Amino acid sequence: MTKLLLTLLGLCTLGLCATAFADHERYDDRRWWRNGWEGERKEEFRDGPCRVKLESKRDEFKREIKCKDGRGAWWRGEWKDEFRDGRCRVKQDVKRDEFKEEVKCD
């Protein structure tokens, strides 16, 4: 009986951890637009003190994360970058309290 309870407790703990990580990976991943973001879609939500906006149109994706005074931001520093990822062109404009990313695919 004790082994069964410990096994069930372990499985429940693993299930809770997996769901907690799944939400964070949805927009924090470098290639977030490849995970089910086809077609038109718009999403806005909060992640702690930050506001997150995700938008997609056909072969165009935008992600904007704003954190008041930089609190809660997972990035550090400021930069602008343009690069290709496969058939997609990615532009990033990052400031201390704002992360903007545009992806356009051919």
PDB file of N, CA and C in Angstrom:
ATOM      1  N   MET A   1       0.826  -1.196   0.000  1.00  0.00           N
ATOM      2  CA  MET A   1       0.000   0.000   0.000  1.00  0.00           C
ATOM      3  C   MET A   1       0.870   1.260   0.000  1.00  0.00           C
ATOM      4  N   THR A   2       1.930   1.243   0.807  1.00  0.00           N
ATOM      5  CA  THR A   2       2.818   2.396   0.888  1.00  0.00           C
ATOM      6  C   THR A   2       3.529   2.630  -0.450  1.00  0.00           C
ATOM      7  N   LYS A   3       3.967   1.537  -1.087  1.00  0.00           N
ATOM      8  CA  LYS A   3       4.640   1.672  -2.381  1.00  0.00           C
ATOM      9  C   LYS A   3       3.699   2.265  -3.428  1.00  0.00           C
ATOM     10  N   LEU A   4       2.448   1.836  -3.382  1.00  0.00           N
ATOM     11  CA  LEU A   4       1.468   2.352  -4.330  1.00  0.00           C
ATOM     12  C   LEU A   4       1.245   3.848  -4.128  1.00  0.00           C
ATOM     13  N   LEU A   5       1.122   4.272  -2.883  1.00  0.00           N
ATOM     14  CA  LEU A   5       0.929   5.693  -2.587  1.00  0.00           C
ATOM     15  C   LEU A   5       2.136   6.522  -3.011  1.00  0.00           C
ATOM     16  N   LEU A   6       3.336   6.017  -2.746  1.00  0.00           N
ATOM     17  CA  LEU A   6       4.546   6.736  -3.148  1.00  0.00           C
ATOM     18  C   LEU A   6       4.651   6.829  -4.672  1.00  0.00           C
ATOM     19  N   THR A   7       4.290   5.758  -5.358  1.00  0.00           N
ATOM     20  CA  THR A   7       4.322   5.770  -6.817  1.00  0.00           C
ATOM     21  C   THR A   7       3.327   6.787  -7.373  1.00  0.00           C
ATOM     22  N   LEU A   8       2.113   6.784  -6.842  1.00  0.00           N
ATOM     23  CA  LEU A   8       1.104   7.750  -7.286  1.00  0.00           C
ATOM     24  C   LEU A   8       1.523   9.183  -6.987  1.00  0.00           C
ATOM     25  N   LEU A   9       2.103   9.407  -5.823  1.00  0.00           N
ATOM     26  CA  LEU A   9       2.578  10.743  -5.466  1.00  0.00           C
ATOM     27  C   LEU A   9       3.673  11.201  -6.427  1.00  0.00           C
ATOM     28  N   GLY A  10       4.588  10.306  -6.767  1.00  0.00           N
ATOM     29  CA  GLY A  10       5.656  10.634  -7.711  1.00  0.00           C
ATOM     30  C   GLY A  10       5.122  10.962  -9.095  1.00  0.00           C
ATOM     31  N   LEU A  11       4.154  10.186  -9.570  1.00  0.00           N
ATOM     32  CA  LEU A  11       3.560  10.446 -10.883  1.00  0.00           C
ATOM     33  C   LEU A  11       2.813  11.769 -10.907  1.00  0.00           C
ATOM     34  N   CYS A  12       2.096  12.082  -9.842  1.00  0.00           N
ATOM     35  CA  CYS A  12       1.386  13.368  -9.772  1.00  0.00           C
ATOM     36  C   CYS A  12       2.367  14.533  -9.777  1.00  0.00           C
ATOM     37  N   THR A  13       3.462  14.393  -9.058  1.00  0.00           N
ATOM     38  CA  THR A  13       4.476  15.445  -9.013  1.00  0.00           C
ATOM     39  C   THR A  13       5.086  15.663 -10.398  1.00  0.00           C
ATOM     40  N   LEU A  14       5.402  14.575 -11.092  1.00  0.00           N
ATOM     41  CA  LEU A  14       5.952  14.701 -12.446  1.00  0.00           C
ATOM     42  C   LEU A  14       4.953  15.356 -13.390  1.00  0.00           C
ATOM     43  N   GLY A  15       3.690  15.014 -13.271  1.00  0.00           N
ATOM     44  CA  GLY A  15       2.660  15.618 -14.117  1.00  0.00           C
ATOM     45  C   GLY A  15       2.533  17.107 -13.882  1.00  0.00           C
ATOM     46  N   LEU A  16       2.593  17.535 -12.633  1.00  0.00           N
ATOM     47  CA  LEU A  16       2.505  18.960 -12.322  1.00  0.00           C
ATOM     48  C   LEU A  16       3.721  19.717 -12.842  1.00  0.00           C
ATOM     49  N   CYS A  17       4.900  19.130 -12.710  1.00  0.00           N
ATOM     50  CA  CYS A  17       6.114  19.784 -13.211  1.00  0.00           C
ATOM     51  C   CYS A  17       6.061  19.938 -14.730  1.00  0.00           C
ATOM     52  N   ALA A  18       5.586  18.922 -15.411  1.00  0.00           N
ATOM     53  CA  ALA A  18       5.526  18.976 -16.877  1.00  0.00           C
ATOM     54  C   ALA A  18       4.587  20.079 -17.347  1.00  0.00           C
ATOM     55  N   THR A  19       3.450  20.244 -16.696  1.00  0.00           N
ATOM     56  CA  THR A  19       2.525  21.299 -17.118  1.00  0.00           C
ATOM     57  C   THR A  19       3.080  22.676 -16.800  1.00  0.00           C
ATOM     58  N   ALA A  20       3.813  22.814 -15.720  1.00  0.00           N
ATOM     59  CA  ALA A  20       4.402  24.111 -15.381  1.00  0.00           C
ATOM     60  C   ALA A  20       5.460  24.508 -16.406  1.00  0.00           C
ATOM     61  N   PHE A  21       6.277  23.571 -16.841  1.00  0.00           N
ATOM     62  CA  PHE A  21       7.310  23.874 -17.820  1.00  0.00           C
ATOM     63  C   PHE A  21       6.726  24.090 -19.213  1.00  0.00           C
ATOM     64  N   ALA A  22       5.661  23.415 -19.545  1.00  0.00           N
ATOM     65  CA  ALA A  22       5.082  23.521 -20.884  1.00  0.00           C
ATOM     66  C   ALA A  22       4.619  24.943 -21.175  1.00  0.00           C
ATOM     67  N   ASP A  23       4.021  25.623 -20.217  1.00  0.00           N
ATOM     68  CA  ASP A  23       3.535  26.977 -20.440  1.00  0.00           C
ATOM     69  C   ASP A  23       4.696  27.940 -20.681  1.00  0.00           C
ATOM     70  N   HIS A  24       5.780  27.788 -19.940  1.00  0.00           N
ATOM     71  CA  HIS A  24       6.926  28.680 -20.081  1.00  0.00           C
ATOM     72  C   HIS A  24       7.618  28.465 -21.418  1.00  0.00           C
ATOM     73  N   GLU A  25       7.742  27.225 -21.850  1.00  0.00           N
ATOM     74  CA  GLU A  25       8.419  26.934 -23.107  1.00  0.00           C
ATOM     75  C   GLU A  25       7.648  27.453 -24.309  1.00  0.00           C
ATOM     76  N   ARG A  26       6.371  27.697 -24.135  1.00  0.00           N
ATOM     77  CA  ARG A  26       5.537  28.107 -25.255  1.00  0.00           C
ATOM     78  C   ARG A  26       6.081  29.355 -25.937  1.00  0.00           C
ATOM     79  N   TYR A  27       6.609  30.314 -25.208  1.00  0.00           N
ATOM     80  CA  TYR A  27       7.081  31.544 -25.851  1.00  0.00           C
ATOM     81  C   TYR A  27       8.529  31.867 -25.524  1.00  0.00           C
ATOM     82  N   ASP A  28       9.154  31.103 -24.665  1.00  0.00           N
ATOM     83  CA  ASP A  28      10.527  31.386 -24.271  1.00  0.00           C
ATOM     84  C   ASP A  28      11.536  30.658 -25.162  1.00  0.00           C
ATOM     85  N   ASP A  29      11.072  29.762 -25.979  1.00  0.00           N
ATOM     86  CA  ASP A  29      11.939  28.984 -26.842  1.00  0.00           C
ATOM     87  C   ASP A  29      12.407  29.838 -28.023  1.00  0.00           C
ATOM     88  N   ARG A  30      13.604  29.612 -28.484  1.00  0.00           N
ATOM     89  CA  ARG A  30      14.143  30.389 -29.604  1.00  0.00           C
ATOM     90  C   ARG A  30      13.295  30.223 -30.867  1.00  0.00           C
ATOM     91  N   ARG A  31      12.729  29.059 -31.075  1.00  0.00           N
ATOM     92  CA  ARG A  31      11.908  28.793 -32.265  1.00  0.00           C
ATOM     93  C   ARG A  31      10.448  28.590 -31.870  1.00  0.00           C
ATOM     94  N   TRP A  32       9.918  29.455 -31.070  1.00  0.00           N
ATOM     95  CA  TRP A  32       8.562  29.317 -30.536  1.00  0.00           C
ATOM     96  C   TRP A  32       7.505  29.294 -31.629  1.00  0.00           C
ATOM     97  N   TRP A  33       7.756  29.958 -32.767  1.00  0.00           N
ATOM     98  CA  TRP A  33       6.751  30.062 -33.822  1.00  0.00           C
ATOM     99  C   TRP A  33       6.525  28.743 -34.542  1.00  0.00           C
ATOM    100  N   ARG A  34       7.406  27.781 -34.383  1.00  0.00           N
ATOM    101  CA  ARG A  34       7.258  26.495 -35.068  1.00  0.00           C
ATOM    102  C   ARG A  34       6.316  25.542 -34.329  1.00  0.00           C
ATOM    103  N   ASN A  35       5.923  25.885 -33.130  1.00  0.00           N
ATOM    104  CA  ASN A  35       5.118  24.978 -32.317  1.00  0.00           C
ATOM    105  C   ASN A  35       3.631  25.306 -32.414  1.00  0.00           C
ATOM    106  N   GLY A  36       3.003  24.987 -33.524  1.00  0.00           N
ATOM    107  CA  GLY A  36       1.568  25.128 -33.657  1.00  0.00           C
ATOM    108  C   GLY A  36       1.070  26.539 -33.874  1.00  0.00           C
ATOM    109  N   TRP A  37       1.882  27.415 -34.457  1.00  0.00           N
ATOM    110  CA  TRP A  37       1.455  28.801 -34.677  1.00  0.00           C
ATOM    111  C   TRP A  37       1.142  29.060 -36.138  1.00  0.00           C
ATOM    112  N   GLU A  38       0.600  28.082 -36.847  1.00  0.00           N
ATOM    113  CA  GLU A  38       0.208  28.290 -38.239  1.00  0.00           C
ATOM    114  C   GLU A  38      -1.135  29.020 -38.260  1.00  0.00           C
ATOM    115  N   GLY A  39      -1.418  29.704 -39.359  1.00  0.00           N
ATOM    116  CA  GLY A  39      -2.692  30.410 -39.492  1.00  0.00           C
ATOM    117  C   GLY A  39      -2.711  31.692 -38.678  1.00  0.00           C
ATOM    118  N   GLU A  40      -3.891  32.302 -38.572  1.00  0.00           N
ATOM    119  CA  GLU A  40      -4.017  33.551 -37.817  1.00  0.00           C
ATOM    120  C   GLU A  40      -4.343  33.236 -36.371  1.00  0.00           C
ATOM    121  N   ARG A  41      -3.626  33.906 -35.483  1.00  0.00           N
ATOM    122  CA  ARG A  41      -3.812  33.658 -34.061  1.00  0.00           C
ATOM    123  C   ARG A  41      -3.271  34.840 -33.287  1.00  0.00           C
ATOM    124  N   LYS A  42      -3.897  35.160 -32.180  1.00  0.00           N
ATOM    125  CA  LYS A  42      -3.454  36.259 -31.330  1.00  0.00           C
ATOM    126  C   LYS A  42      -3.646  35.833 -29.883  1.00  0.00           C
ATOM    127  N   GLU A  43      -2.641  36.105 -29.076  1.00  0.00           N
ATOM    128  CA  GLU A  43      -2.701  35.703 -27.681  1.00  0.00           C
ATOM    129  C   GLU A  43      -2.052  36.783 -26.824  1.00  0.00           C
ATOM    130  N   GLU A  44      -2.662  37.117 -25.708  1.00  0.00           N
ATOM    131  CA  GLU A  44      -2.090  38.058 -24.744  1.00  0.00           C
ATOM    132  C   GLU A  44      -2.259  37.461 -23.360  1.00  0.00           C
ATOM    133  N   PHE A  45      -1.190  37.522 -22.576  1.00  0.00           N
ATOM    134  CA  PHE A  45      -1.259  37.013 -21.213  1.00  0.00           C
ATOM    135  C   PHE A  45      -0.155  37.642 -20.383  1.00  0.00           C
ATOM    136  N   ARG A  46      -0.184  37.377 -19.094  1.00  0.00           N
ATOM    137  CA  ARG A  46       0.848  37.871 -18.184  1.00  0.00           C
ATOM    138  C   ARG A  46       1.703  36.703 -17.733  1.00  0.00           C
ATOM    139  N   ASP A  47       2.982  36.971 -17.603  1.00  0.00           N
ATOM    140  CA  ASP A  47       3.908  36.006 -17.028  1.00  0.00           C
ATOM    141  C   ASP A  47       4.591  36.719 -15.879  1.00  0.00           C
ATOM    142  N   GLY A  48       4.065  36.555 -14.678  1.00  0.00           N
ATOM    143  CA  GLY A  48       4.574  37.302 -13.534  1.00  0.00           C
ATOM    144  C   GLY A  48       4.333  38.781 -13.760  1.00  0.00           C
ATOM    145  N   PRO A  49       5.365  39.619 -13.638  1.00  0.00           N
ATOM    146  CA  PRO A  49       5.178  41.057 -13.836  1.00  0.00           C
ATOM    147  C   PRO A  49       5.204  41.489 -15.308  1.00  0.00           C
ATOM    148  N   CYS A  50       5.400  40.560 -16.220  1.00  0.00           N
ATOM    149  CA  CYS A  50       5.546  40.897 -17.641  1.00  0.00           C
ATOM    150  C   CYS A  50       4.253  40.651 -18.422  1.00  0.00           C
ATOM    151  N   ARG A  51       4.039  41.477 -19.456  1.00  0.00           N
ATOM    152  CA  ARG A  51       2.926  41.291 -20.393  1.00  0.00           C
ATOM    153  C   ARG A  51       3.492  40.676 -21.671  1.00  0.00           C
ATOM    154  N   VAL A  52       2.824  39.654 -22.156  1.00  0.00           N
ATOM    155  CA  VAL A  52       3.285  38.937 -23.340  1.00  0.00           C
ATOM    156  C   VAL A  52       2.202  39.014 -24.416  1.00  0.00           C
ATOM    157  N   LYS A  53       2.614  39.377 -25.634  1.00  0.00           N
ATOM    158  CA  LYS A  53       1.705  39.393 -26.786  1.00  0.00           C
ATOM    159  C   LYS A  53       2.319  38.526 -27.876  1.00  0.00           C
ATOM    160  N   LEU A  54       1.540  37.584 -28.374  1.00  0.00           N
ATOM    161  CA  LEU A  54       1.967  36.722 -29.467  1.00  0.00           C
ATOM    162  C   LEU A  54       0.952  36.860 -30.591  1.00  0.00           C
ATOM    163  N   GLU A  55       1.426  37.057 -31.806  1.00  0.00           N
ATOM    164  CA  GLU A  55       0.544  37.203 -32.969  1.00  0.00           C
ATOM    165  C   GLU A  55       1.110  36.390 -34.125  1.00  0.00           C
ATOM    166  N   SER A  56       0.205  35.856 -34.931  1.00  0.00           N
ATOM    167  CA  SER A  56       0.665  35.192 -36.151  1.00  0.00           C
ATOM    168  C   SER A  56      -0.333  35.424 -37.265  1.00  0.00           C
ATOM    169  N   LYS A  57       0.200  35.597 -38.443  1.00  0.00           N
ATOM    170  CA  LYS A  57      -0.559  35.612 -39.688  1.00  0.00           C
ATOM    171  C   LYS A  57       0.161  34.607 -40.578  1.00  0.00           C
ATOM    172  N   ARG A  58      -0.296  34.443 -41.757  1.00  0.00           N
ATOM    173  CA  ARG A  58       0.335  33.462 -42.644  1.00  0.00           C
ATOM    174  C   ARG A  58       1.814  33.800 -42.854  1.00  0.00           C
ATOM    175  N   ASP A  59       2.687  32.957 -42.351  1.00  0.00           N
ATOM    176  CA  ASP A  59       4.143  33.085 -42.472  1.00  0.00           C
ATOM    177  C   ASP A  59       4.714  34.351 -41.837  1.00  0.00           C
ATOM    178  N   GLU A  60       3.996  34.982 -40.919  1.00  0.00           N
ATOM    179  CA  GLU A  60       4.507  36.125 -40.157  1.00  0.00           C
ATOM    180  C   GLU A  60       4.161  35.920 -38.689  1.00  0.00           C
ATOM    181  N   PHE A  61       5.141  36.140 -37.838  1.00  0.00           N
ATOM    182  CA  PHE A  61       4.952  35.925 -36.414  1.00  0.00           C
ATOM    183  C   PHE A  61       5.559  37.090 -35.647  1.00  0.00           C
ATOM    184  N   LYS A  62       4.903  37.519 -34.579  1.00  0.00           N
ATOM    185  CA  LYS A  62       5.425  38.599 -33.740  1.00  0.00           C
ATOM    186  C   LYS A  62       5.293  38.203 -32.281  1.00  0.00           C
ATOM    187  N   ARG A  63       6.315  38.550 -31.522  1.00  0.00           N
ATOM    188  CA  ARG A  63       6.307  38.311 -30.084  1.00  0.00           C
ATOM    189  C   ARG A  63       6.787  39.587 -29.414  1.00  0.00           C
ATOM    190  N   GLU A  64       6.051  40.042 -28.414  1.00  0.00           N
ATOM    191  CA  GLU A  64       6.421  41.248 -27.681  1.00  0.00           C
ATOM    192  C   GLU A  64       6.237  40.979 -26.193  1.00  0.00           C
ATOM    193  N   ILE A  65       7.307  41.188 -25.442  1.00  0.00           N
ATOM    194  CA  ILE A  65       7.268  40.983 -23.997  1.00  0.00           C
ATOM    195  C   ILE A  65       7.699  42.289 -23.348  1.00  0.00           C
ATOM    196  N   LYS A  66       6.851  42.823 -22.486  1.00  0.00           N
ATOM    197  CA  LYS A  66       7.171  44.066 -21.785  1.00  0.00           C
ATOM    198  C   LYS A  66       7.165  43.802 -20.289  1.00  0.00           C
ATOM    199  N   CYS A  67       8.275  44.170 -19.642  1.00  0.00           N
ATOM    200  CA  CYS A  67       8.416  44.008 -18.201  1.00  0.00           C
ATOM    201  C   CYS A  67       8.705  45.381 -17.601  1.00  0.00           C
ATOM    202  N   LYS A  68       7.826  45.850 -16.749  1.00  0.00           N
ATOM    203  CA  LYS A  68       7.990  47.182 -16.160  1.00  0.00           C
ATOM    204  C   LYS A  68       9.312  47.255 -15.397  1.00  0.00           C
ATOM    205  N   ASP A  69      10.122  48.234 -15.741  1.00  0.00           N
ATOM    206  CA  ASP A  69      11.443  48.459 -15.137  1.00  0.00           C
ATOM    207  C   ASP A  69      12.373  47.257 -15.269  1.00  0.00           C
ATOM    208  N   GLY A  70      12.102  46.352 -16.203  1.00  0.00           N
ATOM    209  CA  GLY A  70      12.969  45.200 -16.425  1.00  0.00           C
ATOM    210  C   GLY A  70      12.819  44.086 -15.408  1.00  0.00           C
ATOM    211  N   ARG A  71      11.894  44.232 -14.465  1.00  0.00           N
ATOM    212  CA  ARG A  71      11.698  43.191 -13.443  1.00  0.00           C
ATOM    213  C   ARG A  71      10.988  41.995 -14.061  1.00  0.00           C
ATOM    214  N   GLY A  72      11.518  40.819 -13.834  1.00  0.00           N
ATOM    215  CA  GLY A  72      10.929  39.600 -14.370  1.00  0.00           C
ATOM    216  C   GLY A  72      11.434  39.227 -15.750  1.00  0.00           C
ATOM    217  N   ALA A  73      12.281  40.044 -16.344  1.00  0.00           N
ATOM    218  CA  ALA A  73      12.798  39.762 -17.688  1.00  0.00           C
ATOM    219  C   ALA A  73      13.825  38.635 -17.629  1.00  0.00           C
ATOM    220  N   TRP A  74      13.750  37.686 -18.572  1.00  0.00           N
ATOM    221  CA  TRP A  74      14.706  36.579 -18.598  1.00  0.00           C
ATOM    222  C   TRP A  74      15.921  36.899 -19.460  1.00  0.00           C
ATOM    223  N   TRP A  75      15.896  38.012 -20.183  1.00  0.00           N
ATOM    224  CA  TRP A  75      17.038  38.414 -21.010  1.00  0.00           C
ATOM    225  C   TRP A  75      17.837  39.490 -20.279  1.00  0.00           C
ATOM    226  N   ARG A  76      19.066  39.670 -20.691  1.00  0.00           N
ATOM    227  CA  ARG A  76      19.932  40.697 -20.104  1.00  0.00           C
ATOM    228  C   ARG A  76      20.577  41.488 -21.227  1.00  0.00           C
ATOM    229  N   GLY A  77      20.687  42.792 -21.052  1.00  0.00           N
ATOM    230  CA  GLY A  77      21.353  43.628 -22.042  1.00  0.00           C
ATOM    231  C   GLY A  77      20.395  44.199 -23.069  1.00  0.00           C
ATOM    232  N   GLU A  78      20.981  44.907 -24.040  1.00  0.00           N
ATOM    233  CA  GLU A  78      20.221  45.506 -25.137  1.00  0.00           C
ATOM    234  C   GLU A  78      20.923  45.155 -26.437  1.00  0.00           C
ATOM    235  N   TRP A  79      20.142  44.792 -27.462  1.00  0.00           N
ATOM    236  CA  TRP A  79      20.730  44.494 -28.753  1.00  0.00           C
ATOM    237  C   TRP A  79      19.667  44.525 -29.848  1.00  0.00           C
ATOM    238  N   LYS A  80      20.167  44.643 -31.074  1.00  0.00           N
ATOM    239  CA  LYS A  80      19.349  44.482 -32.274  1.00  0.00           C
ATOM    240  C   LYS A  80      20.050  43.433 -33.108  1.00  0.00           C
ATOM    241  N   ASP A  81      19.266  42.522 -33.653  1.00  0.00           N
ATOM    242  CA  ASP A  81      19.869  41.424 -34.398  1.00  0.00           C
ATOM    243  C   ASP A  81      18.928  40.998 -35.523  1.00  0.00           C
ATOM    244  N   GLU A  82      19.515  40.592 -36.631  1.00  0.00           N
ATOM    245  CA  GLU A  82      18.778  40.010 -37.748  1.00  0.00           C
ATOM    246  C   GLU A  82      19.528  38.761 -38.171  1.00  0.00           C
ATOM    247  N   PHE A  83      18.782  37.673 -38.348  1.00  0.00           N
ATOM    248  CA  PHE A  83      19.412  36.430 -38.781  1.00  0.00           C
ATOM    249  C   PHE A  83      18.364  35.563 -39.469  1.00  0.00           C
ATOM    250  N   ARG A  84      18.855  34.535 -40.149  1.00  0.00           N
ATOM    251  CA  ARG A  84      17.961  33.582 -40.806  1.00  0.00           C
ATOM    252  C   ARG A  84      17.933  32.298 -39.998  1.00  0.00           C
ATOM    253  N   ASP A  85      16.743  31.716 -39.930  1.00  0.00           N
ATOM    254  CA  ASP A  85      16.572  30.418 -39.290  1.00  0.00           C
ATOM    255  C   ASP A  85      15.806  29.552 -40.285  1.00  0.00           C
ATOM    256  N   GLY A  86      16.534  28.761 -41.038  1.00  0.00           N
ATOM    257  CA  GLY A  86      15.899  27.988 -42.099  1.00  0.00           C
ATOM    258  C   GLY A  86      15.372  28.927 -43.170  1.00  0.00           C
ATOM    259  N   ARG A  87      14.093  28.837 -43.469  1.00  0.00           N
ATOM    260  CA  ARG A  87      13.496  29.711 -44.485  1.00  0.00           C
ATOM    261  C   ARG A  87      12.921  30.983 -43.888  1.00  0.00           C
ATOM    262  N   CYS A  88      13.163  31.241 -42.619  1.00  0.00           N
ATOM    263  CA  CYS A  88      12.591  32.410 -41.933  1.00  0.00           C
ATOM    264  C   CYS A  88      13.661  33.458 -41.628  1.00  0.00           C
ATOM    265  N   ARG A  89      13.269  34.719 -41.742  1.00  0.00           N
ATOM    266  CA  ARG A  89      14.125  35.845 -41.378  1.00  0.00           C
ATOM    267  C   ARG A  89      13.635  36.355 -40.024  1.00  0.00           C
ATOM    268  N   VAL A  90      14.546  36.448 -39.059  1.00  0.00           N
ATOM    269  CA  VAL A  90      14.193  36.820 -37.688  1.00  0.00           C
ATOM    270  C   VAL A  90      14.835  38.161 -37.353  1.00  0.00           C
ATOM    271  N   LYS A  91      14.038  39.084 -36.815  1.00  0.00           N
ATOM    272  CA  LYS A  91      14.538  40.381 -36.342  1.00  0.00           C
ATOM    273  C   LYS A  91      14.232  40.487 -34.859  1.00  0.00           C
ATOM    274  N   GLN A  92      15.252  40.854 -34.089  1.00  0.00           N
ATOM    275  CA  GLN A  92      15.075  41.056 -32.651  1.00  0.00           C
ATOM    276  C   GLN A  92      15.486  42.473 -32.290  1.00  0.00           C
ATOM    277  N   ASP A  93      14.668  43.123 -31.488  1.00  0.00           N
ATOM    278  CA  ASP A  93      14.965  44.452 -30.951  1.00  0.00           C
ATOM    279  C   ASP A  93      14.729  44.351 -29.449  1.00  0.00           C
ATOM    280  N   VAL A  94      15.824  44.346 -28.700  1.00  0.00           N
ATOM    281  CA  VAL A  94      15.728  44.060 -27.272  1.00  0.00           C
ATOM    282  C   VAL A  94      16.265  45.229 -26.465  1.00  0.00           C
ATOM    283  N   LYS A  95      15.495  45.641 -25.483  1.00  0.00           N
ATOM    284  CA  LYS A  95      15.894  46.674 -24.530  1.00  0.00           C
ATOM    285  C   LYS A  95      15.777  46.083 -23.134  1.00  0.00           C
ATOM    286  N   ARG A  96      16.156  46.850 -22.156  1.00  0.00           N
ATOM    287  CA  ARG A  96      16.155  46.352 -20.781  1.00  0.00           C
ATOM    288  C   ARG A  96      14.782  45.869 -20.325  1.00  0.00           C
ATOM    289  N   ASP A  97      13.724  46.574 -20.749  1.00  0.00           N
ATOM    290  CA  ASP A  97      12.381  46.237 -20.275  1.00  0.00           C
ATOM    291  C   ASP A  97      11.445  45.764 -21.389  1.00  0.00           C
ATOM    292  N   GLU A  98      11.996  45.504 -22.587  1.00  0.00           N
ATOM    293  CA  GLU A  98      11.146  45.147 -23.720  1.00  0.00           C
ATOM    294  C   GLU A  98      11.879  44.197 -24.663  1.00  0.00           C
ATOM    295  N   PHE A  99      11.187  43.164 -25.096  1.00  0.00           N
ATOM    296  CA  PHE A  99      11.738  42.182 -26.031  1.00  0.00           C
ATOM    297  C   PHE A  99      10.774  42.080 -27.208  1.00  0.00           C
ATOM    298  N   LYS A 100      11.224  42.479 -28.410  1.00  0.00           N
ATOM    299  CA  LYS A 100      10.389  42.399 -29.609  1.00  0.00           C
ATOM    300  C   LYS A 100      11.072  41.482 -30.612  1.00  0.00           C
ATOM    301  N   GLU A 101      10.274  40.621 -31.204  1.00  0.00           N
ATOM    302  CA  GLU A 101      10.808  39.694 -32.193  1.00  0.00           C
ATOM    303  C   GLU A 101       9.799  39.551 -33.331  1.00  0.00           C
ATOM    304  N   GLU A 102      10.291  39.671 -34.562  1.00  0.00           N
ATOM    305  CA  GLU A 102       9.469  39.488 -35.760  1.00  0.00           C
ATOM    306  C   GLU A 102      10.081  38.379 -36.597  1.00  0.00           C
ATOM    307  N   VAL A 103       9.229  37.494 -37.078  1.00  0.00           N
ATOM    308  CA  VAL A 103       9.678  36.388 -37.914  1.00  0.00           C
ATOM    309  C   VAL A 103       8.859  36.415 -39.196  1.00  0.00           C
ATOM    310  N   LYS A 104       9.550  36.424 -40.338  1.00  0.00           N
ATOM    311  CA  LYS A 104       8.877  36.359 -41.638  1.00  0.00           C
ATOM    312  C   LYS A 104       9.480  35.193 -42.408  1.00  0.00           C
ATOM    313  N   CYS A 105       8.615  34.302 -42.841  1.00  0.00           N
ATOM    314  CA  CYS A 105       9.073  33.117 -43.560  1.00  0.00           C
ATOM    315  C   CYS A 105       8.721  33.222 -45.038  1.00  0.00           C
ATOM    316  N   ASP A 106       9.613  32.715 -45.889  1.00  0.00           N
ATOM    317  CA  ASP A 106       9.413  32.758 -47.345  1.00  0.00           C
ATOM    318  C   ASP A 106       8.466  31.664 -47.788  1.00  0.00           C
TER     319      ASP A 106
END
